[in-house]
């Protein structure tokens, strides 16, 4: 089993979004849906940890609605810090030594 860290705290200024990047729709589904589905298709026992910031409440509602068994971690200082702080928080919350780090706005495949 591995921990998969999804760094999803930023506001996506380069993408000109105002909300949470993981909730952007791609091919009919939110980016976070694609990510979780792909990870679980590869590793059924994955420990998925999503670090949020912008749109935390909306991401929580989305995850709960979908019934995902993942962990959410809020970077309270996301406006003042960079991905490095989100990564530090996630690493401190890791349960397993084997870790993958994934950007919250990436679509990838198995």
Protein backbone atom coordinates (compact mmCIF):
# COMPACT_ATOMS: atom_id res chain seq x y z
CA UNK A 1 0.00 0.00 0.00
CA UNK A 2 1.14 3.52 -0.79
CA UNK A 3 0.07 7.04 0.09
CA UNK A 4 -0.89 9.24 -2.84
CA UNK A 5 -0.68 12.94 -2.02
CA UNK A 6 -2.80 15.21 -4.21
CA UNK A 7 -1.63 18.81 -3.84
CA UNK A 8 -4.88 20.71 -4.42
CA UNK A 9 -4.72 23.83 -2.28
CA UNK A 10 -4.02 26.49 -4.93
CA UNK A 11 -6.45 28.78 -6.68
CA UNK A 12 -5.32 28.13 -10.24
CA UNK A 13 -4.37 31.67 -11.23
CA UNK A 14 -2.48 30.38 -14.27
CA UNK A 15 -5.63 28.53 -15.35
CA UNK A 16 -7.73 31.65 -14.70
CA UNK A 17 -10.06 29.82 -12.34
CA UNK A 18 -11.55 31.32 -9.23
CA UNK A 19 -12.35 28.10 -7.44
CA UNK A 20 -10.84 24.76 -6.58
CA UNK A 21 -8.87 23.19 -9.43
CA UNK A 22 -9.83 19.61 -8.45
CA UNK A 23 -13.46 20.45 -9.19
CA UNK A 24 -12.82 21.62 -12.75
CA UNK A 25 -14.78 19.46 -15.17
CA UNK A 26 -12.92 17.40 -17.75
CA UNK A 27 -14.68 14.90 -19.99
CA UNK A 28 -17.83 15.08 -17.85
CA UNK A 29 -16.17 14.52 -14.47
CA UNK A 30 -14.24 16.62 -11.95
CA UNK A 31 -10.45 16.35 -12.12
CA UNK A 32 -10.41 14.80 -8.63
CA UNK A 33 -12.78 12.07 -9.83
CA UNK A 34 -10.39 11.18 -12.66
CA UNK A 35 -7.44 11.14 -10.26
CA UNK A 36 -9.08 8.96 -7.61
CA UNK A 37 -10.48 6.54 -10.19
CA UNK A 38 -7.07 6.16 -11.86
CA UNK A 39 -5.21 5.69 -8.57
CA UNK A 40 -7.69 3.09 -7.32
CA UNK A 41 -7.61 1.22 -10.64
CA UNK A 42 -3.85 0.86 -10.12
CA UNK A 43 -3.76 0.40 -6.33
CA UNK A 44 -7.01 -0.78 -4.74
CA UNK A 45 -5.64 -0.29 -1.20
CA UNK A 46 -4.31 3.22 -1.84
CA UNK A 47 -4.20 5.75 0.98
CA UNK A 48 -5.25 8.93 -0.84
CA UNK A 49 -4.57 12.22 0.92
CA UNK A 50 -5.84 15.44 -0.69
CA UNK A 51 -4.40 18.71 0.59
CA UNK A 52 -6.95 21.47 0.05
CA UNK A 53 -7.11 25.21 0.42
CA UNK A 54 -9.29 27.10 -2.03
CA UNK A 55 -12.80 25.67 -2.07
CA UNK A 56 -12.16 23.26 0.80
CA UNK A 57 -15.85 23.04 1.75
CA UNK A 58 -16.91 22.34 -1.84
CA UNK A 59 -14.26 19.62 -2.19
CA UNK A 60 -15.42 18.03 1.09
CA UNK A 61 -19.04 18.00 -0.15
CA UNK A 62 -17.99 16.56 -3.51
CA UNK A 63 -15.95 13.78 -1.88
CA UNK A 64 -18.73 12.93 0.57
CA UNK A 65 -21.33 12.88 -2.21
CA UNK A 66 -19.21 10.44 -4.21
CA UNK A 67 -18.52 8.28 -1.15
CA UNK A 68 -14.75 8.28 -1.61
CA UNK A 69 -12.74 6.75 1.22
CA UNK A 70 -9.95 9.31 1.18
CA UNK A 71 -8.42 11.77 3.63
CA UNK A 72 -8.68 15.54 3.27
CA UNK A 73 -6.20 17.90 4.87
CA UNK A 74 -6.74 21.67 4.87
CA UNK A 75 -3.72 23.93 4.47
CA UNK A 76 -5.07 26.86 6.47
CA UNK A 77 -2.32 29.16 5.23
CA UNK A 78 -2.65 28.33 1.52
CA UNK A 79 -2.98 32.04 0.63
CA UNK A 80 0.35 32.86 2.24
CA UNK A 81 2.37 29.75 1.39
CA UNK A 82 3.32 27.62 -1.58
CA UNK A 83 2.96 23.96 -2.47
CA UNK A 84 5.94 23.32 -0.24
CA UNK A 85 3.84 23.96 2.87
CA UNK A 86 1.05 21.72 1.56
CA UNK A 87 3.60 19.01 0.90
CA UNK A 88 5.11 19.40 4.39
CA UNK A 89 1.68 19.02 5.97
CA UNK A 90 0.95 15.95 3.84
CA UNK A 91 4.26 14.25 4.57
CA UNK A 92 3.66 14.77 8.30
CA UNK A 93 0.27 13.05 7.85
CA UNK A 94 1.62 10.10 5.85
CA UNK A 95 0.95 6.67 7.27
CA UNK A 96 3.18 4.78 4.86
CA UNK A 97 6.75 5.24 3.65
CA UNK A 98 5.91 4.64 -0.02
CA UNK A 99 4.54 7.96 -1.28
CA UNK A 100 3.53 9.48 -4.61
CA UNK A 101 3.11 13.22 -5.02
CA UNK A 102 0.61 14.42 -7.62
CA UNK A 103 -0.49 17.92 -8.58
CA UNK A 104 -4.21 18.51 -8.05
CA UNK A 105 -4.81 19.76 -11.58
CA UNK A 106 -3.29 16.83 -13.49
CA UNK A 107 -5.18 14.27 -15.53
CA UNK A 108 -3.13 11.09 -15.88
CA UNK A 109 -3.64 7.46 -16.75
CA UNK A 110 -2.57 4.12 -15.33
